[in-house]
Amino acid sequence: MRMALYTIISEFDIFTNGEKPTEFLDIPSGKVEYIRCGKNKVVKSLFSTDPKLYLDVRYSPGKRLM
């Protein structure tokens, strides 16, 4: 049986077993949600009211934060 989920919650939160806790980083005009992979911080999602930030490749999912 197939089911469609209409939600603002990311698929990572729904379909994982809470493998890694997420953390948040404050940036100008928003927040970046990330997970720790060893010593690296990897972007999970971006929350912002500034549309330009969504085009910034530094905050793309899967990118490492510096």
Protein backbone atom coordinates (compact mmCIF):
# COMPACT_ATOMS: atom_id res chain seq x y z
CA MET A 1 0.00 0.00 0.00
CA ARG A 2 1.35 3.41 -0.97
CA MET A 3 0.80 6.53 1.05
CA ALA A 4 1.54 10.16 0.24
CA LEU A 5 2.68 12.41 3.06
CA TYR A 6 1.96 16.11 2.73
CA THR A 7 4.11 17.71 5.41
CA ILE A 8 6.79 20.32 6.02
CA ILE A 9 8.83 17.79 7.99
CA SER A 10 11.83 16.51 6.03
CA GLU A 11 11.89 12.93 4.80
CA PHE A 12 15.05 12.43 6.85
CA ASP A 13 13.07 13.00 10.06
CA ILE A 14 10.24 10.73 8.97
CA PHE A 15 12.14 7.78 7.47
CA THR A 16 15.13 7.49 9.80
CA ASN A 17 15.23 6.05 13.28
CA GLY A 18 16.74 9.16 14.83
CA GLU A 19 20.23 7.95 14.02
CA LYS A 20 22.01 11.24 14.62
CA PRO A 21 20.72 14.20 16.60
CA THR A 22 20.60 17.47 14.70
CA GLU A 23 22.01 20.78 15.84
CA PHE A 24 21.39 24.36 14.73
CA LEU A 25 23.74 27.15 13.73
CA ASP A 26 22.56 30.77 13.76
CA ILE A 27 23.38 32.68 10.59
CA PRO A 28 22.26 36.16 9.51
CA SER A 29 18.56 35.94 8.54
CA GLY A 30 18.09 32.32 9.58
CA LYS A 31 19.32 29.03 10.95
CA VAL A 32 21.13 26.04 9.46
CA GLU A 33 20.25 22.58 10.70
CA TYR A 34 23.21 20.20 10.59
CA ILE A 35 24.43 16.82 11.78
CA ARG A 36 27.89 15.94 13.00
CA CYS A 37 29.85 13.40 10.99
CA GLY A 38 33.08 12.92 12.91
CA LYS A 39 34.67 16.36 13.11
CA ASN A 40 32.59 17.70 10.21
CA LYS A 41 29.28 19.53 10.33
CA VAL A 42 27.05 18.54 7.39
CA VAL A 43 24.09 20.70 6.35
CA LYS A 44 20.72 19.01 6.67
CA SER A 45 18.41 21.96 5.98
CA LEU A 46 18.08 25.73 5.99
CA PHE A 47 15.45 27.87 7.69
CA SER A 48 15.34 31.48 6.53
CA THR A 49 13.06 34.29 5.42
CA ASP A 50 15.72 35.50 2.96
CA PRO A 51 15.25 33.81 -0.45
CA LYS A 52 18.86 34.58 -1.44
CA LEU A 53 20.17 32.21 1.24
CA TYR A 54 18.45 29.27 -0.47
CA LEU A 55 20.58 29.94 -3.56
CA ASP A 56 23.81 30.05 -1.55
CA VAL A 57 25.68 26.78 -2.18
CA ARG A 58 27.27 26.94 1.29
CA TYR A 59 23.91 25.98 2.78
CA SER A 60 22.95 23.23 0.33
CA PRO A 61 22.03 19.88 1.96
CA GLY A 62 25.05 17.62 2.17
CA LYS A 63 27.62 20.46 2.17
CA ARG A 64 30.16 20.70 4.96
CA LEU A 65 30.00 23.84 7.10
CA MET A 66 33.22 25.70 7.61
